[in-house]
Amino acid sequence: MTNHVHLVIQVSDAPLSKIMQNLSFRNTKYINKKKNRIGHLFQGRYKTILVDADAYLLELVRYIHNNPLRANLVKDPADYPWSSHRIYLGLDSLPFLTTDSVLGQFGTQLKTCRKNYLLFVLKGDTNKAEQRKEFYTGEHDSRVFGDERFLGKVLNISPSPQKTVSLDKLVDIVCNKYSITKNDLTGKSRNRRLSEARGVIGWLASEKTSSNLTEVASLLNRDPANISRAVKKIRENKPDIIKLIKLPKDK
C-alpha cells in the first residue's frame, strides 16, 4: 500500500525474524541504490499475527487483495501492480511466490482454480469504510487469529477432552434438530435458520470431531470464511444453543 505492506507468509524451519530481516535488508538496499539515498526504508518493527489457515487463510488473502479498492487506488484488483493478485491469476509471475495452497482450494484444474478464485475475490466486501481490525489485532490474542481450539494448540494450552463423532453423523443430528435436510444446507438459500444450523455444525465439528472448518465448508458447499463467521455468530449470540444438540456420547 502507500505507507505499509501486508504479507502472508508460510513459515517452516526458518524463523520469521530471519525472513523479515532478509526482506527488509534487500528492499532497503535496492531502494537506496535506485533512489540514491541512505538510511532506513521501514519505520518501526513489523507486527505479526499467527493465522489459522484452515479457517481464515482465504478470507485474509481476499481482504489483502481488495485493499487497493478500499483505498481508491484502482477499480479492479488486477490493475494494481504491487500485489500478488495478478500472480494468482497467471498474469504475472514471481519465482518466490507459491499459490498452490490457496488456488488448490478452488478446484483441481489450474484454469478452473483461477476462475473460481477470481470470483471469490470479487465477491468480497469492498466497502471502503470497512476495516477488518481482527486481521491487525487477532480475535482472542493479539498474536493469534483463530478459534479457541487453534489458540490452545499454538499457545500450548491443554484443551478439554475431545468427544468424537463422525462429521456426517453430526450433520444428520443437527438436520434432525432443525427439521431440515442436508440438501437444504448445501443449497444457495441464505435463510437465517440454515445459516444458524451451519454455524452449529461448524462449532460442534471443531469440538466433537477431528474435522476442521475447511472440511465442514467443503461438505456444506460454502467457503471457509462463511462457516467461520457463522460459528462466530453462534458463539457470541447463542452459545446455549449447543446444549440442545445431543450427540451419542453426550447421553
C-alpha atoms as a PDB file:
ATOM      1  CA  MET A   1       0.000   0.000   0.000  1.00  0.00           C
ATOM      2  CA  THR A   2       1.075   3.645   0.026  1.00  0.00           C
ATOM      3  CA  ASN A   3       2.587   3.553   3.507  1.00  0.00           C
ATOM      4  CA  HIS A   4       2.596  -0.101   4.616  1.00  0.00           C
ATOM      5  CA  VAL A   5       2.843  -3.649   3.315  1.00  0.00           C
ATOM      6  CA  HIS A   6       0.759  -6.756   4.051  1.00  0.00           C
ATOM      7  CA  LEU A   7       2.480 -10.128   3.738  1.00  0.00           C
ATOM      8  CA  VAL A   8       1.040 -13.628   4.105  1.00  0.00           C
ATOM      9  CA  ILE A   9       3.999 -15.883   4.843  1.00  0.00           C
ATOM     10  CA  GLN A  10       4.027 -19.625   5.479  1.00  0.00           C
ATOM     11  CA  VAL A  11       6.821 -20.306   7.946  1.00  0.00           C
ATOM     12  CA  SER A  12       8.613 -23.641   8.198  1.00  0.00           C
ATOM     13  CA  ASP A  13      12.086 -24.213   9.638  1.00  0.00           C
ATOM     14  CA  ALA A  14      13.422 -20.691   9.049  1.00  0.00           C
ATOM     15  CA  PRO A  15      12.442 -18.265  11.844  1.00  0.00           C
ATOM     16  CA  LEU A  16      10.130 -15.469  10.744  1.00  0.00           C
ATOM     17  CA  SER A  17      12.534 -12.903  12.181  1.00  0.00           C
ATOM     18  CA  LYS A  18      15.251 -14.073   9.787  1.00  0.00           C
ATOM     19  CA  ILE A  19      12.840 -13.925   6.840  1.00  0.00           C
ATOM     20  CA  MET A  20      11.744 -10.387   7.680  1.00  0.00           C
ATOM     21  CA  GLN A  21      15.321  -9.280   8.298  1.00  0.00           C
ATOM     22  CA  ASN A  22      16.312 -10.550   4.859  1.00  0.00           C
ATOM     23  CA  LEU A  23      13.328  -8.912   3.151  1.00  0.00           C
ATOM     24  CA  SER A  24      13.946  -5.604   4.884  1.00  0.00           C
ATOM     25  CA  PHE A  25      17.662  -5.616   4.094  1.00  0.00           C
ATOM     26  CA  ARG A  26      17.210  -6.471   0.413  1.00  0.00           C
ATOM     27  CA  ASN A  27      14.395  -3.969  -0.136  1.00  0.00           C
ATOM     28  CA  THR A  28      16.229  -1.185   1.641  1.00  0.00           C
ATOM     29  CA  LYS A  29      19.418  -1.836  -0.293  1.00  0.00           C
ATOM     30  CA  TYR A  30      17.520  -1.871  -3.618  1.00  0.00           C
ATOM     31  CA  ILE A  31      15.538   1.324  -2.972  1.00  0.00           C
ATOM     32  CA  ASN A  32      18.523   3.218  -1.577  1.00  0.00           C
ATOM     33  CA  LYS A  33      20.590   2.353  -4.627  1.00  0.00           C
ATOM     34  CA  LYS A  34      17.803   3.194  -7.066  1.00  0.00           C
ATOM     35  CA  LYS A  35      16.886   6.491  -5.361  1.00  0.00           C
ATOM     36  CA  ASN A  36      20.467   7.411  -4.437  1.00  0.00           C
ATOM     37  CA  ARG A  37      19.578   7.658  -0.755  1.00  0.00           C
ATOM     38  CA  ILE A  38      20.747   6.262   2.587  1.00  0.00           C
ATOM     39  CA  GLY A  39      19.068   5.238   5.828  1.00  0.00           C
ATOM     40  CA  HIS A  40      16.142   3.078   6.845  1.00  0.00           C
ATOM     41  CA  LEU A  41      13.286   2.245   4.492  1.00  0.00           C
ATOM     42  CA  PHE A  42      10.763   0.900   7.019  1.00  0.00           C
ATOM     43  CA  GLN A  43       9.657   2.663  10.183  1.00  0.00           C
ATOM     44  CA  GLY A  44       9.494   0.594  13.341  1.00  0.00           C
ATOM     45  CA  ARG A  45       9.315  -3.162  13.782  1.00  0.00           C
ATOM     46  CA  TYR A  46       6.922  -5.314  11.796  1.00  0.00           C
ATOM     47  CA  LYS A  47       3.789  -6.649  13.501  1.00  0.00           C
ATOM     48  CA  THR A  48       2.961 -10.345  13.294  1.00  0.00           C
ATOM     49  CA  ILE A  49      -0.257 -12.327  13.670  1.00  0.00           C
ATOM     50  CA  LEU A  50      -0.399 -16.113  13.506  1.00  0.00           C
ATOM     51  CA  VAL A  51      -3.432 -17.087  11.406  1.00  0.00           C
ATOM     52  CA  ASP A  52      -5.408 -20.328  11.437  1.00  0.00           C
ATOM     53  CA  ALA A  53      -5.057 -21.224   7.760  1.00  0.00           C
ATOM     54  CA  ASP A  54      -7.904 -23.750   7.818  1.00  0.00           C
ATOM     55  CA  ALA A  55     -10.468 -21.139   8.805  1.00  0.00           C
ATOM     56  CA  TYR A  56      -9.121 -17.772   7.724  1.00  0.00           C
ATOM     57  CA  LEU A  57      -6.458 -18.017   5.016  1.00  0.00           C
ATOM     58  CA  LEU A  58      -8.798 -17.496   2.077  1.00  0.00           C
ATOM     59  CA  GLU A  59     -10.610 -14.614   3.738  1.00  0.00           C
ATOM     60  CA  LEU A  60      -7.279 -12.982   4.607  1.00  0.00           C
ATOM     61  CA  VAL A  61      -5.963 -13.302   1.042  1.00  0.00           C
ATOM     62  CA  ARG A  62      -9.200 -11.846  -0.306  1.00  0.00           C
ATOM     63  CA  TYR A  63      -9.060  -8.972   2.166  1.00  0.00           C
ATOM     64  CA  ILE A  64      -5.470  -8.088   1.245  1.00  0.00           C
ATOM     65  CA  HIS A  65      -6.107  -8.248  -2.489  1.00  0.00           C
ATOM     66  CA  ASN A  66      -9.123  -5.957  -2.120  1.00  0.00           C
ATOM     67  CA  ASN A  67      -7.165  -3.368  -0.120  1.00  0.00           C
ATOM     68  CA  PRO A  68      -6.304  -1.241  -3.207  1.00  0.00           C
ATOM     69  CA  LEU A  69     -10.042  -0.932  -3.972  1.00  0.00           C
ATOM     70  CA  ARG A  70     -10.854   0.252  -0.476  1.00  0.00           C
ATOM     71  CA  ALA A  71      -8.068   2.823  -0.783  1.00  0.00           C
ATOM     72  CA  ASN A  72      -9.413   4.096  -4.136  1.00  0.00           C
ATOM     73  CA  LEU A  73      -6.147   3.215  -5.860  1.00  0.00           C
ATOM     74  CA  VAL A  74      -7.771   1.073  -8.577  1.00  0.00           C
ATOM     75  CA  LYS A  75     -11.223  -0.063  -9.666  1.00  0.00           C
ATOM     76  CA  ASP A  76     -10.120  -3.646 -10.322  1.00  0.00           C
ATOM     77  CA  PRO A  77      -7.671  -5.614  -8.102  1.00  0.00           C
ATOM     78  CA  ALA A  78      -5.991  -6.909 -11.252  1.00  0.00           C
ATOM     79  CA  ASP A  79      -4.995  -3.348 -12.175  1.00  0.00           C
ATOM     80  CA  TYR A  80      -2.869  -2.964  -9.054  1.00  0.00           C
ATOM     81  CA  PRO A  81       0.749  -3.904  -9.880  1.00  0.00           C
ATOM     82  CA  TRP A  82       2.045  -4.190  -6.306  1.00  0.00           C
ATOM     83  CA  SER A  83       0.049  -7.149  -5.004  1.00  0.00           C
ATOM     84  CA  SER A  84       0.167 -10.881  -5.658  1.00  0.00           C
ATOM     85  CA  HIS A  85      -3.361 -10.928  -7.101  1.00  0.00           C
ATOM     86  CA  ARG A  86      -2.057 -10.808 -10.667  1.00  0.00           C
ATOM     87  CA  ILE A  87       0.236 -13.775  -9.974  1.00  0.00           C
ATOM     88  CA  TYR A  88      -2.710 -15.826  -8.706  1.00  0.00           C
ATOM     89  CA  LEU A  89      -4.495 -15.020 -11.970  1.00  0.00           C
ATOM     90  CA  GLY A  90      -1.467 -16.051 -14.053  1.00  0.00           C
ATOM     91  CA  LEU A  91      -0.961 -12.530 -15.430  1.00  0.00           C
ATOM     92  CA  ASP A  92       2.471 -12.097 -13.808  1.00  0.00           C
ATOM     93  CA  SER A  93       4.976 -14.353 -12.073  1.00  0.00           C
ATOM     94  CA  LEU A  94       7.327 -14.228  -9.107  1.00  0.00           C
ATOM     95  CA  PRO A  95       9.722 -17.131  -8.554  1.00  0.00           C
ATOM     96  CA  PHE A  96       9.490 -16.957  -4.755  1.00  0.00           C
ATOM     97  CA  LEU A  97       5.691 -16.805  -4.554  1.00  0.00           C
ATOM     98  CA  THR A  98       3.725 -20.049  -4.233  1.00  0.00           C
ATOM     99  CA  THR A  99      -0.013 -20.036  -4.927  1.00  0.00           C
ATOM    100  CA  ASP A 100      -0.826 -23.753  -4.661  1.00  0.00           C
ATOM    101  CA  SER A 101      -2.147 -23.708  -1.085  1.00  0.00           C
ATOM    102  CA  VAL A 102      -4.750 -21.061  -1.976  1.00  0.00           C
ATOM    103  CA  LEU A 103      -5.633 -21.977  -5.556  1.00  0.00           C
ATOM    104  CA  GLY A 104      -5.820 -25.659  -4.608  1.00  0.00           C
ATOM    105  CA  GLN A 105      -8.915 -24.915  -2.543  1.00  0.00           C
ATOM    106  CA  PHE A 106     -10.841 -23.800  -5.635  1.00  0.00           C
ATOM    107  CA  GLY A 107     -10.642 -26.946  -7.760  1.00  0.00           C
ATOM    108  CA  THR A 108      -8.276 -29.446  -9.356  1.00  0.00           C
ATOM    109  CA  GLN A 109      -7.576 -27.839 -12.747  1.00  0.00           C
ATOM    110  CA  LEU A 110      -5.484 -24.658 -12.737  1.00  0.00           C
ATOM    111  CA  LYS A 111      -7.784 -22.808 -15.144  1.00  0.00           C
ATOM    112  CA  THR A 112     -10.829 -23.637 -13.025  1.00  0.00           C
ATOM    113  CA  CYS A 113      -8.988 -22.749  -9.822  1.00  0.00           C
ATOM    114  CA  ARG A 114      -8.097 -19.311 -11.128  1.00  0.00           C
ATOM    115  CA  LYS A 115     -11.622 -18.664 -12.344  1.00  0.00           C
ATOM    116  CA  ASN A 116     -13.174 -19.645  -9.002  1.00  0.00           C
ATOM    117  CA  TYR A 117     -10.512 -17.749  -7.087  1.00  0.00           C
ATOM    118  CA  LEU A 118     -11.269 -14.571  -9.066  1.00  0.00           C
ATOM    119  CA  LEU A 119     -15.000 -14.899  -8.378  1.00  0.00           C
ATOM    120  CA  PHE A 120     -14.218 -15.367  -4.685  1.00  0.00           C
ATOM    121  CA  VAL A 121     -12.062 -12.222  -4.527  1.00  0.00           C
ATOM    122  CA  LEU A 122     -14.530 -10.076  -6.462  1.00  0.00           C
ATOM    123  CA  LYS A 123     -17.365 -11.297  -4.236  1.00  0.00           C
ATOM    124  CA  GLY A 124     -15.535  -9.936  -1.196  1.00  0.00           C
ATOM    125  CA  ASP A 125     -16.755  -6.898   0.695  1.00  0.00           C
ATOM    126  CA  THR A 126     -15.031  -3.862  -0.838  1.00  0.00           C
ATOM    127  CA  ASN A 127     -16.740  -1.326   1.396  1.00  0.00           C
ATOM    128  CA  LYS A 128     -14.117   1.424   1.585  1.00  0.00           C
ATOM    129  CA  ALA A 129     -15.146   2.387   5.097  1.00  0.00           C
ATOM    130  CA  GLU A 130     -14.786  -1.118   6.489  1.00  0.00           C
ATOM    131  CA  GLN A 131     -11.621  -2.219   8.241  1.00  0.00           C
ATOM    132  CA  ARG A 132     -11.243  -5.828   9.353  1.00  0.00           C
ATOM    133  CA  LYS A 133      -9.445  -4.980  12.592  1.00  0.00           C
ATOM    134  CA  GLU A 134      -9.163  -8.660  13.501  1.00  0.00           C
ATOM    135  CA  PHE A 135      -6.566  -9.005  10.735  1.00  0.00           C
ATOM    136  CA  TYR A 136      -4.494  -6.448  12.607  1.00  0.00           C
ATOM    137  CA  THR A 137      -5.061  -7.497  16.216  1.00  0.00           C
ATOM    138  CA  GLY A 138      -6.289 -11.088  16.268  1.00  0.00           C
ATOM    139  CA  GLU A 139      -9.617 -12.227  17.699  1.00  0.00           C
ATOM    140  CA  HIS A 140      -8.635 -13.813  21.014  1.00  0.00           C
ATOM    141  CA  ASP A 141      -4.981 -12.811  21.357  1.00  0.00           C
ATOM    142  CA  SER A 142      -3.025 -10.024  19.693  1.00  0.00           C
ATOM    143  CA  ARG A 143      -0.624 -12.638  18.346  1.00  0.00           C
ATOM    144  CA  VAL A 144      -3.165 -15.169  17.076  1.00  0.00           C
ATOM    145  CA  PHE A 145      -6.190 -15.082  14.770  1.00  0.00           C
ATOM    146  CA  GLY A 146      -8.191 -18.271  15.197  1.00  0.00           C
ATOM    147  CA  ASP A 147     -10.721 -20.014  17.403  1.00  0.00           C
ATOM    148  CA  GLU A 148     -10.166 -21.365  20.910  1.00  0.00           C
ATOM    149  CA  ARG A 149      -9.016 -24.746  19.642  1.00  0.00           C
ATOM    150  CA  PHE A 150      -6.331 -23.189  17.455  1.00  0.00           C
ATOM    151  CA  LEU A 151      -5.335 -20.773  20.202  1.00  0.00           C
ATOM    152  CA  GLY A 152      -4.852 -23.614  22.654  1.00  0.00           C
ATOM    153  CA  LYS A 153      -2.767 -25.528  20.135  1.00  0.00           C
ATOM    154  CA  VAL A 154      -0.321 -22.748  19.278  1.00  0.00           C
ATOM    155  CA  LEU A 155      -0.040 -21.441  22.854  1.00  0.00           C
ATOM    156  CA  ASN A 156       0.290 -24.939  24.320  1.00  0.00           C
ATOM    157  CA  ILE A 157      -2.928 -24.648  26.310  1.00  0.00           C
ATOM    158  CA  SER A 158      -4.360 -28.065  27.055  1.00  0.00           C
ATOM    159  CA  PRO A 159      -7.851 -28.325  25.556  1.00  0.00           C
ATOM    160  CA  SER A 160     -10.672 -30.078  27.317  1.00  0.00           C
ATOM    161  CA  PRO A 161     -11.062 -33.778  26.430  1.00  0.00           C
ATOM    162  CA  GLN A 162     -12.402 -34.276  22.909  1.00  0.00           C
ATOM    163  CA  LYS A 163     -15.527 -36.311  22.287  1.00  0.00           C
ATOM    164  CA  THR A 164     -15.637 -37.828  18.845  1.00  0.00           C
ATOM    165  CA  VAL A 165     -18.463 -38.340  16.380  1.00  0.00           C
ATOM    166  CA  SER A 166     -18.264 -38.513  12.595  1.00  0.00           C
ATOM    167  CA  LEU A 167     -18.913 -35.327  10.643  1.00  0.00           C
ATOM    168  CA  ASP A 168     -21.650 -36.993   8.596  1.00  0.00           C
ATOM    169  CA  LYS A 169     -23.375 -38.196  11.767  1.00  0.00           C
ATOM    170  CA  LEU A 170     -23.092 -34.718  13.258  1.00  0.00           C
ATOM    171  CA  VAL A 171     -24.753 -33.181  10.194  1.00  0.00           C
ATOM    172  CA  ASP A 172     -27.584 -35.718  10.420  1.00  0.00           C
ATOM    173  CA  ILE A 173     -28.170 -34.897  14.104  1.00  0.00           C
ATOM    174  CA  VAL A 174     -28.242 -31.143  13.504  1.00  0.00           C
ATOM    175  CA  CYS A 175     -30.502 -31.529  10.457  1.00  0.00           C
ATOM    176  CA  ASN A 176     -32.922 -33.585  12.546  1.00  0.00           C
ATOM    177  CA  LYS A 177     -32.877 -30.947  15.293  1.00  0.00           C
ATOM    178  CA  TYR A 178     -33.658 -28.159  12.818  1.00  0.00           C
ATOM    179  CA  SER A 179     -36.089 -30.265  10.736  1.00  0.00           C
ATOM    180  CA  ILE A 180     -34.068 -29.686   7.572  1.00  0.00           C
ATOM    181  CA  THR A 181     -32.142 -31.833   5.106  1.00  0.00           C
ATOM    182  CA  LYS A 182     -28.519 -31.845   4.023  1.00  0.00           C
ATOM    183  CA  ASN A 183     -29.680 -30.573   0.621  1.00  0.00           C
ATOM    184  CA  ASP A 184     -31.119 -27.532   2.402  1.00  0.00           C
ATOM    185  CA  LEU A 185     -27.708 -26.841   3.945  1.00  0.00           C
ATOM    186  CA  THR A 186     -25.791 -27.202   0.685  1.00  0.00           C
ATOM    187  CA  GLY A 187     -28.250 -25.146  -1.350  1.00  0.00           C
ATOM    188  CA  LYS A 188     -27.965 -21.472  -2.257  1.00  0.00           C
ATOM    189  CA  SER A 189     -30.503 -20.233   0.279  1.00  0.00           C
ATOM    190  CA  ARG A 190     -29.252 -17.671   2.824  1.00  0.00           C
ATOM    191  CA  ASN A 191     -32.127 -18.366   5.185  1.00  0.00           C
ATOM    192  CA  ARG A 192     -31.174 -17.332   8.729  1.00  0.00           C
ATOM    193  CA  ARG A 193     -32.206 -20.687  10.193  1.00  0.00           C
ATOM    194  CA  LEU A 194     -29.998 -22.547   7.713  1.00  0.00           C
ATOM    195  CA  SER A 195     -27.078 -20.224   8.455  1.00  0.00           C
ATOM    196  CA  GLU A 196     -27.547 -20.907  12.150  1.00  0.00           C
ATOM    197  CA  ALA A 197     -27.531 -24.669  11.546  1.00  0.00           C
ATOM    198  CA  ARG A 198     -24.285 -24.360   9.561  1.00  0.00           C
ATOM    199  CA  GLY A 199     -22.755 -22.401  12.426  1.00  0.00           C
ATOM    200  CA  VAL A 200     -23.802 -25.061  14.920  1.00  0.00           C
ATOM    201  CA  ILE A 201     -22.292 -27.780  12.738  1.00  0.00           C
ATOM    202  CA  GLY A 202     -19.055 -25.827  12.391  1.00  0.00           C
ATOM    203  CA  TRP A 203     -18.763 -25.238  16.123  1.00  0.00           C
ATOM    204  CA  LEU A 204     -19.572 -28.822  17.102  1.00  0.00           C
ATOM    205  CA  ALA A 205     -17.298 -30.191  14.384  1.00  0.00           C
ATOM    206  CA  SER A 206     -14.323 -28.306  15.844  1.00  0.00           C
ATOM    207  CA  GLU A 207     -15.185 -29.530  19.350  1.00  0.00           C
ATOM    208  CA  LYS A 208     -16.501 -33.052  18.823  1.00  0.00           C
ATOM    209  CA  THR A 209     -14.876 -34.354  15.619  1.00  0.00           C
ATOM    210  CA  SER A 210     -11.456 -34.482  14.011  1.00  0.00           C
ATOM    211  CA  SER A 211     -12.729 -32.318  11.142  1.00  0.00           C
ATOM    212  CA  ASN A 212     -11.732 -28.681  10.630  1.00  0.00           C
ATOM    213  CA  LEU A 213     -13.791 -25.787   9.278  1.00  0.00           C
ATOM    214  CA  THR A 214     -12.366 -26.213   5.783  1.00  0.00           C
ATOM    215  CA  GLU A 215     -13.776 -29.752   5.656  1.00  0.00           C
ATOM    216  CA  VAL A 216     -17.107 -28.550   7.016  1.00  0.00           C
ATOM    217  CA  ALA A 217     -17.218 -25.803   4.390  1.00  0.00           C
ATOM    218  CA  SER A 218     -16.481 -28.294   1.623  1.00  0.00           C
ATOM    219  CA  LEU A 219     -19.223 -30.651   2.815  1.00  0.00           C
ATOM    220  CA  LEU A 220     -21.774 -27.824   3.055  1.00  0.00           C
ATOM    221  CA  ASN A 221     -20.763 -26.208  -0.255  1.00  0.00           C
ATOM    222  CA  ARG A 222     -19.631 -22.978   1.427  1.00  0.00           C
ATOM    223  CA  ASP A 223     -16.317 -21.180   1.654  1.00  0.00           C
ATOM    224  CA  PRO A 224     -14.458 -21.495   4.987  1.00  0.00           C
ATOM    225  CA  ALA A 225     -14.811 -17.786   5.722  1.00  0.00           C
ATOM    226  CA  ASN A 226     -18.623 -18.041   5.678  1.00  0.00           C
ATOM    227  CA  ILE A 227     -18.612 -21.037   8.014  1.00  0.00           C
ATOM    228  CA  SER A 228     -16.172 -19.275  10.318  1.00  0.00           C
ATOM    229  CA  ARG A 229     -18.445 -16.220  10.535  1.00  0.00           C
ATOM    230  CA  ALA A 230     -21.467 -18.436  11.205  1.00  0.00           C
ATOM    231  CA  VAL A 231     -19.615 -20.181  14.040  1.00  0.00           C
ATOM    232  CA  LYS A 232     -18.575 -16.844  15.496  1.00  0.00           C
ATOM    233  CA  LYS A 233     -22.188 -15.596  15.497  1.00  0.00           C
ATOM    234  CA  ILE A 234     -23.350 -18.698  17.367  1.00  0.00           C
ATOM    235  CA  ARG A 235     -20.590 -18.386  19.957  1.00  0.00           C
ATOM    236  CA  GLU A 236     -21.267 -14.706  20.559  1.00  0.00           C
ATOM    237  CA  ASN A 237     -25.063 -14.576  20.320  1.00  0.00           C
ATOM    238  CA  LYS A 238     -26.459 -18.066  21.015  1.00  0.00           C
ATOM    239  CA  PRO A 239     -23.862 -20.088  22.952  1.00  0.00           C
ATOM    240  CA  ASP A 240     -26.542 -22.016  24.880  1.00  0.00           C
ATOM    241  CA  ILE A 241     -27.966 -23.488  21.685  1.00  0.00           C
ATOM    242  CA  ILE A 242     -25.159 -26.045  21.632  1.00  0.00           C
ATOM    243  CA  LYS A 243     -26.520 -27.583  24.843  1.00  0.00           C
ATOM    244  CA  LEU A 244     -29.698 -28.500  22.964  1.00  0.00           C
ATOM    245  CA  ILE A 245     -27.816 -30.687  20.466  1.00  0.00           C
ATOM    246  CA  LYS A 246     -27.418 -34.138  21.991  1.00  0.00           C
ATOM    247  CA  LEU A 247     -24.657 -36.227  20.456  1.00  0.00           C
ATOM    248  CA  PRO A 248     -24.378 -40.004  21.012  1.00  0.00           C
ATOM    249  CA  LYS A 249     -21.654 -39.734  23.675  1.00  0.00           C
ATOM    250  CA  ASP A 250     -23.358 -36.827  25.415  1.00  0.00           C
ATOM    251  CA  LYS A 251     -26.243 -39.015  26.598  1.00  0.00           C
END
